[in-house]
Amino acid sequence: MVGLTSWVNSNYLCLIRIIPGNMKDNFWEMGDTGPCGPCSEIHFDRIGGRDAAHLVGTNTLLLLLIFKNPKESVSQSSRICVTL
């Protein structure tokens, strides 16, 4: 939330343009095992006036913090990374 506050306070982003997601929409998994973590999509509406259902994601930010192990257990990843 600190990052979001920084963008809003710097006038780069207006809060009414943020559509909150949930764990289903904002969690990325490679597969049954492997790296996973929270994600956010950035959409750009160059025409204006449309809701998110009509937009296409231009970038997906992934924060790979977790590693899913074979028996559905999870652990903190030994290699934390952010990818775009």
PDB file of N, CA and C in Angstrom:
ATOM      1  N   MET A   1       0.814  -1.189   0.000  1.00  0.00           N
ATOM      2  CA  MET A   1       0.000   0.000   0.000  1.00  0.00           C
ATOM      3  C   MET A   1       0.864   1.263   0.000  1.00  0.00           C
ATOM      4  N   VAL A   2       2.092   1.149   0.486  1.00  0.00           N
ATOM      5  CA  VAL A   2       2.979   2.311   0.504  1.00  0.00           C
ATOM      6  C   VAL A   2       3.256   2.783  -0.918  1.00  0.00           C
ATOM      7  N   GLY A   3       3.474   1.843  -1.843  1.00  0.00           N
ATOM      8  CA  GLY A   3       3.724   2.209  -3.228  1.00  0.00           C
ATOM      9  C   GLY A   3       2.542   2.937  -3.842  1.00  0.00           C
ATOM     10  N   LEU A   4       1.338   2.449  -3.579  1.00  0.00           N
ATOM     11  CA  LEU A   4       0.130   3.091  -4.083  1.00  0.00           C
ATOM     12  C   LEU A   4       0.003   4.501  -3.541  1.00  0.00           C
ATOM     13  N   THR A   5       0.231   4.664  -2.253  1.00  0.00           N
ATOM     14  CA  THR A   5       0.158   5.990  -1.629  1.00  0.00           C
ATOM     15  C   THR A   5       1.149   6.944  -2.272  1.00  0.00           C
ATOM     16  N   SER A   6       2.335   6.465  -2.590  1.00  0.00           N
ATOM     17  CA  SER A   6       3.348   7.314  -3.225  1.00  0.00           C
ATOM     18  C   SER A   6       2.885   7.801  -4.595  1.00  0.00           C
ATOM     19  N   TRP A   7       2.278   6.911  -5.384  1.00  0.00           N
ATOM     20  CA  TRP A   7       1.792   7.299  -6.712  1.00  0.00           C
ATOM     21  C   TRP A   7       0.667   8.307  -6.600  1.00  0.00           C
ATOM     22  N   VAL A   8      -0.272   8.079  -5.689  1.00  0.00           N
ATOM     23  CA  VAL A   8      -1.415   8.992  -5.535  1.00  0.00           C
ATOM     24  C   VAL A   8      -0.936  10.347  -5.030  1.00  0.00           C
ATOM     25  N   ASN A   9      -0.059  10.361  -4.040  1.00  0.00           N
ATOM     26  CA  ASN A   9       0.435  11.614  -3.478  1.00  0.00           C
ATOM     27  C   ASN A   9       1.268  12.418  -4.473  1.00  0.00           C
ATOM     28  N   SER A  10       1.862  11.758  -5.444  1.00  0.00           N
ATOM     29  CA  SER A  10       2.672  12.472  -6.425  1.00  0.00           C
ATOM     30  C   SER A  10       1.840  12.922  -7.635  1.00  0.00           C
ATOM     31  N   ASN A  11       0.507  12.746  -7.550  1.00  0.00           N
ATOM     32  CA  ASN A  11      -0.424  13.152  -8.604  1.00  0.00           C
ATOM     33  C   ASN A  11      -0.267  12.384  -9.908  1.00  0.00           C
ATOM     34  N   TYR A  12       0.372  11.222  -9.882  1.00  0.00           N
ATOM     35  CA  TYR A  12       0.464  10.391 -11.078  1.00  0.00           C
ATOM     36  C   TYR A  12      -0.747   9.480 -11.233  1.00  0.00           C
ATOM     37  N   LEU A  13      -1.484   9.275 -10.150  1.00  0.00           N
ATOM     38  CA  LEU A  13      -2.571   8.312 -10.159  1.00  0.00           C
ATOM     39  C   LEU A  13      -3.738   8.823  -9.338  1.00  0.00           C
ATOM     40  N   CYS A  14      -4.935   8.667  -9.848  1.00  0.00           N
ATOM     41  CA  CYS A  14      -6.148   9.079  -9.155  1.00  0.00           C
ATOM     42  C   CYS A  14      -6.826   7.842  -8.574  1.00  0.00           C
ATOM     43  N   LEU A  15      -7.207   7.876  -7.308  1.00  0.00           N
ATOM     44  CA  LEU A  15      -7.782   6.709  -6.637  1.00  0.00           C
ATOM     45  C   LEU A  15      -9.040   6.179  -7.321  1.00  0.00           C
ATOM     46  N   ILE A  16      -9.812   7.021  -7.970  1.00  0.00           N
ATOM     47  CA  ILE A  16     -11.022   6.523  -8.622  1.00  0.00           C
ATOM     48  C   ILE A  16     -10.701   5.655  -9.837  1.00  0.00           C
ATOM     49  N   ARG A  17      -9.463   5.663 -10.269  1.00  0.00           N
ATOM     50  CA  ARG A  17      -9.051   4.832 -11.405  1.00  0.00           C
ATOM     51  C   ARG A  17      -8.495   3.481 -10.981  1.00  0.00           C
ATOM     52  N   ILE A  18      -8.482   3.194  -9.693  1.00  0.00           N
ATOM     53  CA  ILE A  18      -7.957   1.928  -9.179  1.00  0.00           C
ATOM     54  C   ILE A  18      -9.122   0.987  -8.931  1.00  0.00           C
ATOM     55  N   ILE A  19      -9.058  -0.182  -9.522  1.00  0.00           N
ATOM     56  CA  ILE A  19     -10.087  -1.198  -9.337  1.00  0.00           C
ATOM     57  C   ILE A  19      -9.474  -2.314  -8.505  1.00  0.00           C
ATOM     58  N   PRO A  20      -9.950  -2.496  -7.279  1.00  0.00           N
ATOM     59  CA  PRO A  20      -9.358  -3.533  -6.429  1.00  0.00           C
ATOM     60  C   PRO A  20      -9.678  -4.923  -6.954  1.00  0.00           C
ATOM     61  N   GLY A  21      -8.752  -5.812  -6.748  1.00  0.00           N
ATOM     62  CA  GLY A  21      -8.947  -7.203  -7.140  1.00  0.00           C
ATOM     63  C   GLY A  21      -9.050  -8.090  -5.918  1.00  0.00           C
ATOM     64  N   ASN A  22      -8.967  -9.379  -6.142  1.00  0.00           N
ATOM     65  CA  ASN A  22      -8.996 -10.335  -5.045  1.00  0.00           C
ATOM     66  C   ASN A  22      -7.898 -11.366  -5.267  1.00  0.00           C
ATOM     67  N   MET A  23      -7.817 -12.343  -4.378  1.00  0.00           N
ATOM     68  CA  MET A  23      -6.757 -13.352  -4.471  1.00  0.00           C
ATOM     69  C   MET A  23      -6.846 -14.123  -5.792  1.00  0.00           C
ATOM     70  N   LYS A  24      -8.052 -14.377  -6.269  1.00  0.00           N
ATOM     71  CA  LYS A  24      -8.221 -15.107  -7.532  1.00  0.00           C
ATOM     72  C   LYS A  24      -7.657 -14.294  -8.699  1.00  0.00           C
ATOM     73  N   ASP A  25      -7.930 -13.009  -8.705  1.00  0.00           N
ATOM     74  CA  ASP A  25      -7.492 -12.154  -9.801  1.00  0.00           C
ATOM     75  C   ASP A  25      -6.066 -11.641  -9.646  1.00  0.00           C
ATOM     76  N   ASN A  26      -5.574 -11.585  -8.432  1.00  0.00           N
ATOM     77  CA  ASN A  26      -4.286 -10.949  -8.179  1.00  0.00           C
ATOM     78  C   ASN A  26      -3.262 -11.886  -7.548  1.00  0.00           C
ATOM     79  N   PHE A  27      -3.233 -13.122  -8.018  1.00  0.00           N
ATOM     80  CA  PHE A  27      -2.225 -14.078  -7.550  1.00  0.00           C
ATOM     81  C   PHE A  27      -1.788 -14.905  -8.743  1.00  0.00           C
ATOM     82  N   TRP A  28      -0.497 -14.938  -9.014  1.00  0.00           N
ATOM     83  CA  TRP A  28       0.054 -15.634 -10.166  1.00  0.00           C
ATOM     84  C   TRP A  28       0.738 -16.915  -9.722  1.00  0.00           C
ATOM     85  N   GLU A  29       0.464 -18.004 -10.444  1.00  0.00           N
ATOM     86  CA  GLU A  29       1.112 -19.288 -10.174  1.00  0.00           C
ATOM     87  C   GLU A  29       1.677 -19.843 -11.467  1.00  0.00           C
ATOM     88  N   MET A  30       2.868 -20.399 -11.398  1.00  0.00           N
ATOM     89  CA  MET A  30       3.497 -20.991 -12.574  1.00  0.00           C
ATOM     90  C   MET A  30       2.823 -22.317 -12.919  1.00  0.00           C
ATOM     91  N   GLY A  31       2.359 -23.025 -11.916  1.00  0.00           N
ATOM     92  CA  GLY A  31       1.741 -24.337 -12.108  1.00  0.00           C
ATOM     93  C   GLY A  31       1.495 -24.969 -10.750  1.00  0.00           C
ATOM     94  N   ASP A  32       1.450 -26.291 -10.720  1.00  0.00           N
ATOM     95  CA  ASP A  32       1.216 -26.996  -9.459  1.00  0.00           C
ATOM     96  C   ASP A  32       2.355 -26.789  -8.468  1.00  0.00           C
ATOM     97  N   THR A  33       3.563 -26.614  -8.969  1.00  0.00           N
ATOM     98  CA  THR A  33       4.721 -26.328  -8.121  1.00  0.00           C
ATOM     99  C   THR A  33       5.512 -25.190  -8.752  1.00  0.00           C
ATOM    100  N   GLY A  34       6.349 -24.565  -7.957  1.00  0.00           N
ATOM    101  CA  GLY A  34       7.206 -23.510  -8.487  1.00  0.00           C
ATOM    102  C   GLY A  34       6.910 -22.149  -7.891  1.00  0.00           C
ATOM    103  N   PRO A  35       7.533 -21.109  -8.451  1.00  0.00           N
ATOM    104  CA  PRO A  35       7.374 -19.761  -7.919  1.00  0.00           C
ATOM    105  C   PRO A  35       5.957 -19.236  -8.116  1.00  0.00           C
ATOM    106  N   CYS A  36       5.503 -18.412  -7.156  1.00  0.00           N
ATOM    107  CA  CYS A  36       4.188 -17.783  -7.249  1.00  0.00           C
ATOM    108  C   CYS A  36       4.171 -16.564  -6.335  1.00  0.00           C
ATOM    109  N   GLY A  37       3.133 -15.762  -6.482  1.00  0.00           N
ATOM    110  CA  GLY A  37       3.023 -14.588  -5.625  1.00  0.00           C
ATOM    111  C   GLY A  37       1.990 -13.608  -6.138  1.00  0.00           C
ATOM    112  N   PRO A  38       1.835 -12.497  -5.417  1.00  0.00           N
ATOM    113  CA  PRO A  38       0.848 -11.493  -5.800  1.00  0.00           C
ATOM    114  C   PRO A  38       1.225 -10.810  -7.115  1.00  0.00           C
ATOM    115  N   CYS A  39       0.196 -10.365  -7.838  1.00  0.00           N
ATOM    116  CA  CYS A  39       0.445  -9.662  -9.092  1.00  0.00           C
ATOM    117  C   CYS A  39      -0.558  -8.529  -9.254  1.00  0.00           C
ATOM    118  N   SER A  40      -0.222  -7.596 -10.105  1.00  0.00           N
ATOM    119  CA  SER A  40      -1.101  -6.474 -10.456  1.00  0.00           C
ATOM    120  C   SER A  40      -1.024  -6.268 -11.951  1.00  0.00           C
ATOM    121  N   GLU A  41      -2.138  -5.937 -12.553  1.00  0.00           N
ATOM    122  CA  GLU A  41      -2.150  -5.626 -13.980  1.00  0.00           C
ATOM    123  C   GLU A  41      -2.313  -4.128 -14.167  1.00  0.00           C
ATOM    124  N   ILE A  42      -1.616  -3.607 -15.144  1.00  0.00           N
ATOM    125  CA  ILE A  42      -1.741  -2.200 -15.500  1.00  0.00           C
ATOM    126  C   ILE A  42      -2.476  -2.147 -16.836  1.00  0.00           C
ATOM    127  N   HIS A  43      -3.583  -1.407 -16.863  1.00  0.00           N
ATOM    128  CA  HIS A  43      -4.372  -1.241 -18.071  1.00  0.00           C
ATOM    129  C   HIS A  43      -4.308   0.226 -18.486  1.00  0.00           C
ATOM    130  N   PHE A  44      -4.382   0.429 -19.771  1.00  0.00           N
ATOM    131  CA  PHE A  44      -4.357   1.798 -20.277  1.00  0.00           C
ATOM    132  C   PHE A  44      -5.555   2.002 -21.187  1.00  0.00           C
ATOM    133  N   ASP A  45      -6.354   2.994 -20.892  1.00  0.00           N
ATOM    134  CA  ASP A  45      -7.521   3.329 -21.704  1.00  0.00           C
ATOM    135  C   ASP A  45      -7.242   4.661 -22.390  1.00  0.00           C
ATOM    136  N   ARG A  46      -6.770   4.611 -23.617  1.00  0.00           N
ATOM    137  CA  ARG A  46      -6.426   5.850 -24.325  1.00  0.00           C
ATOM    138  C   ARG A  46      -7.647   6.555 -24.906  1.00  0.00           C
ATOM    139  N   ILE A  47      -8.793   5.861 -24.941  1.00  0.00           N
ATOM    140  CA  ILE A  47     -10.010   6.472 -25.461  1.00  0.00           C
ATOM    141  C   ILE A  47     -10.768   7.175 -24.343  1.00  0.00           C
ATOM    142  N   GLY A  48     -10.876   6.522 -23.187  1.00  0.00           N
ATOM    143  CA  GLY A  48     -11.555   7.097 -22.036  1.00  0.00           C
ATOM    144  C   GLY A  48     -12.995   6.637 -21.899  1.00  0.00           C
ATOM    145  N   GLY A  49     -13.469   6.658 -20.654  1.00  0.00           N
ATOM    146  CA  GLY A  49     -14.867   6.368 -20.374  1.00  0.00           C
ATOM    147  C   GLY A  49     -15.263   4.910 -20.367  1.00  0.00           C
ATOM    148  N   ARG A  50     -14.327   3.985 -20.445  1.00  0.00           N
ATOM    149  CA  ARG A  50     -14.673   2.564 -20.443  1.00  0.00           C
ATOM    150  C   ARG A  50     -14.332   1.945 -19.101  1.00  0.00           C
ATOM    151  N   ASP A  51     -15.019   0.854 -18.756  1.00  0.00           N
ATOM    152  CA  ASP A  51     -14.677   0.169 -17.512  1.00  0.00           C
ATOM    153  C   ASP A  51     -13.634  -0.910 -17.804  1.00  0.00           C
ATOM    154  N   ALA A  52     -13.108  -1.507 -16.764  1.00  0.00           N
ATOM    155  CA  ALA A  52     -11.995  -2.447 -16.903  1.00  0.00           C
ATOM    156  C   ALA A  52     -12.348  -3.682 -17.723  1.00  0.00           C
ATOM    157  N   ALA A  53     -13.626  -4.044 -17.792  1.00  0.00           N
ATOM    158  CA  ALA A  53     -14.022  -5.226 -18.555  1.00  0.00           C
ATOM    159  C   ALA A  53     -13.713  -5.068 -20.047  1.00  0.00           C
ATOM    160  N   HIS A  54     -13.585  -3.837 -20.520  1.00  0.00           N
ATOM    161  CA  HIS A  54     -13.334  -3.585 -21.933  1.00  0.00           C
ATOM    162  C   HIS A  54     -11.870  -3.276 -22.242  1.00  0.00           C
ATOM    163  N   LEU A  55     -11.026  -3.338 -21.244  1.00  0.00           N
ATOM    164  CA  LEU A  55      -9.622  -2.982 -21.440  1.00  0.00           C
ATOM    165  C   LEU A  55      -8.750  -4.231 -21.496  1.00  0.00           C
ATOM    166  N   VAL A  56      -7.609  -4.080 -22.103  1.00  0.00           N
ATOM    167  CA  VAL A  56      -6.645  -5.166 -22.186  1.00  0.00           C
ATOM    168  C   VAL A  56      -5.446  -4.791 -21.330  1.00  0.00           C
ATOM    169  N   GLY A  57      -4.958  -5.753 -20.547  1.00  0.00           N
ATOM    170  CA  GLY A  57      -3.783  -5.489 -19.719  1.00  0.00           C
ATOM    171  C   GLY A  57      -2.562  -5.238 -20.570  1.00  0.00           C
ATOM    172  N   THR A  58      -1.828  -4.208 -20.250  1.00  0.00           N
ATOM    173  CA  THR A  58      -0.621  -3.909 -21.010  1.00  0.00           C
ATOM    174  C   THR A  58       0.623  -4.434 -20.302  1.00  0.00           C
ATOM    175  N   ASN A  59       0.581  -4.490 -18.994  1.00  0.00           N
ATOM    176  CA  ASN A  59       1.704  -4.996 -18.205  1.00  0.00           C
ATOM    177  C   ASN A  59       1.178  -5.756 -17.004  1.00  0.00           C
ATOM    178  N   THR A  60       1.886  -6.775 -16.615  1.00  0.00           N
ATOM    179  CA  THR A  60       1.573  -7.501 -15.395  1.00  0.00           C
ATOM    180  C   THR A  60       2.810  -7.469 -14.507  1.00  0.00           C
ATOM    181  N   LEU A  61       2.661  -6.953 -13.310  1.00  0.00           N
ATOM    182  CA  LEU A  61       3.754  -6.910 -12.345  1.00  0.00           C
ATOM    183  C   LEU A  61       3.637  -8.122 -11.436  1.00  0.00           C
ATOM    184  N   LEU A  62       4.688  -8.919 -11.336  1.00  0.00           N
ATOM    185  CA  LEU A  62       4.685 -10.104 -10.487  1.00  0.00           C
ATOM    186  C   LEU A  62       5.697  -9.937  -9.369  1.00  0.00           C
ATOM    187  N   LEU A  63       5.287 -10.266  -8.159  1.00  0.00           N
ATOM    188  CA  LEU A  63       6.184 -10.272  -7.016  1.00  0.00           C
ATOM    189  C   LEU A  63       6.292 -11.725  -6.569  1.00  0.00           C
ATOM    190  N   LEU A  64       7.360 -12.386  -6.980  1.00  0.00           N
ATOM    191  CA  LEU A  64       7.523 -13.812  -6.699  1.00  0.00           C
ATOM    192  C   LEU A  64       8.160 -13.996  -5.333  1.00  0.00           C
ATOM    193  N   LEU A  65       7.308 -14.190  -4.333  1.00  0.00           N
ATOM    194  CA  LEU A  65       7.734 -14.314  -2.941  1.00  0.00           C
ATOM    195  C   LEU A  65       7.650 -15.732  -2.414  1.00  0.00           C
ATOM    196  N   ILE A  66       6.833 -16.541  -3.049  1.00  0.00           N
ATOM    197  CA  ILE A  66       6.465 -17.840  -2.493  1.00  0.00           C
ATOM    198  C   ILE A  66       6.882 -18.945  -3.451  1.00  0.00           C
ATOM    199  N   PHE A  67       7.179 -20.114  -2.903  1.00  0.00           N
ATOM    200  CA  PHE A  67       7.475 -21.294  -3.708  1.00  0.00           C
ATOM    201  C   PHE A  67       6.507 -22.393  -3.294  1.00  0.00           C
ATOM    202  N   LYS A  68       5.709 -22.879  -4.265  1.00  0.00           N
ATOM    203  CA  LYS A  68       4.783 -23.978  -3.995  1.00  0.00           C
ATOM    204  C   LYS A  68       5.532 -25.296  -4.125  1.00  0.00           C
ATOM    205  N   ASN A  69       5.509 -26.074  -3.064  1.00  0.00           N
ATOM    206  CA  ASN A  69       6.178 -27.370  -3.033  1.00  0.00           C
ATOM    207  C   ASN A  69       5.232 -28.459  -3.542  1.00  0.00           C
ATOM    208  N   PRO A  70       5.764 -29.623  -3.905  1.00  0.00           N
ATOM    209  CA  PRO A  70       4.943 -30.676  -4.504  1.00  0.00           C
ATOM    210  C   PRO A  70       3.724 -31.118  -3.691  1.00  0.00           C
ATOM    211  N   LYS A  71       3.766 -31.118  -2.396  1.00  0.00           N
ATOM    212  CA  LYS A  71       2.641 -31.606  -1.592  1.00  0.00           C
ATOM    213  C   LYS A  71       1.750 -30.469  -1.111  1.00  0.00           C
ATOM    214  N   GLU A  72       1.582 -29.445  -1.949  1.00  0.00           N
ATOM    215  CA  GLU A  72       0.730 -28.284  -1.687  1.00  0.00           C
ATOM    216  C   GLU A  72       1.150 -27.443  -0.492  1.00  0.00           C
ATOM    217  N   SER A  73       2.339 -27.656   0.014  1.00  0.00           N
ATOM    218  CA  SER A  73       2.847 -26.765   1.053  1.00  0.00           C
ATOM    219  C   SER A  73       3.568 -25.615   0.368  1.00  0.00           C
ATOM    220  N   VAL A  74       3.705 -24.510   1.063  1.00  0.00           N
ATOM    221  CA  VAL A  74       4.390 -23.350   0.500  1.00  0.00           C
ATOM    222  C   VAL A  74       5.506 -22.919   1.435  1.00  0.00           C
ATOM    223  N   SER A  75       6.497 -22.290   0.860  1.00  0.00           N
ATOM    224  CA  SER A  75       7.596 -21.743   1.655  1.00  0.00           C
ATOM    225  C   SER A  75       8.021 -20.434   1.001  1.00  0.00           C
ATOM    226  N   GLN A  76       8.756 -19.637   1.763  1.00  0.00           N
ATOM    227  CA  GLN A  76       9.275 -18.399   1.191  1.00  0.00           C
ATOM    228  C   GLN A  76      10.307 -18.763   0.150  1.00  0.00           C
ATOM    229  N   SER A  77      10.245 -18.105  -0.974  1.00  0.00           N
ATOM    230  CA  SER A  77      11.184 -18.391  -2.055  1.00  0.00           C
ATOM    231  C   SER A  77      12.588 -17.988  -1.650  1.00  0.00           C
ATOM    232  N   SER A  78      13.553 -18.777  -2.058  1.00  0.00           N
ATOM    233  CA  SER A  78      14.952 -18.431  -1.764  1.00  0.00           C
ATOM    234  C   SER A  78      15.439 -17.312  -2.663  1.00  0.00           C
ATOM    235  N   ARG A  79      14.729 -17.078  -3.764  1.00  0.00           N
ATOM    236  CA  ARG A  79      15.088 -16.011  -4.706  1.00  0.00           C
ATOM    237  C   ARG A  79      13.871 -15.150  -4.964  1.00  0.00           C
ATOM    238  N   ILE A  80      13.724 -14.083  -4.208  1.00  0.00           N
ATOM    239  CA  ILE A  80      12.607 -13.171  -4.379  1.00  0.00           C
ATOM    240  C   ILE A  80      12.894 -12.241  -5.552  1.00  0.00           C
ATOM    241  N   CYS A  81      11.915 -12.086  -6.418  1.00  0.00           N
ATOM    242  CA  CYS A  81      12.139 -11.187  -7.553  1.00  0.00           C
ATOM    243  C   CYS A  81      10.838 -10.506  -7.961  1.00  0.00           C
ATOM    244  N   VAL A  82      10.993  -9.416  -8.671  1.00  0.00           N
ATOM    245  CA  VAL A  82       9.890  -8.677  -9.253  1.00  0.00           C
ATOM    246  C   VAL A  82      10.092  -8.734 -10.759  1.00  0.00           C
ATOM    247  N   THR A  83       9.042  -9.030 -11.467  1.00  0.00           N
ATOM    248  CA  THR A  83       9.143  -9.105 -12.910  1.00  0.00           C
ATOM    249  C   THR A  83       8.022  -8.323 -13.563  1.00  0.00           C
ATOM    250  N   LEU A  84       8.262  -7.834 -14.735  1.00  0.00           N
ATOM    251  CA  LEU A  84       7.276  -7.042 -15.470  1.00  0.00           C
ATOM    252  C   LEU A  84       6.937  -7.754 -16.748  1.00  0.00           C
TER     253      LEU A  84
END
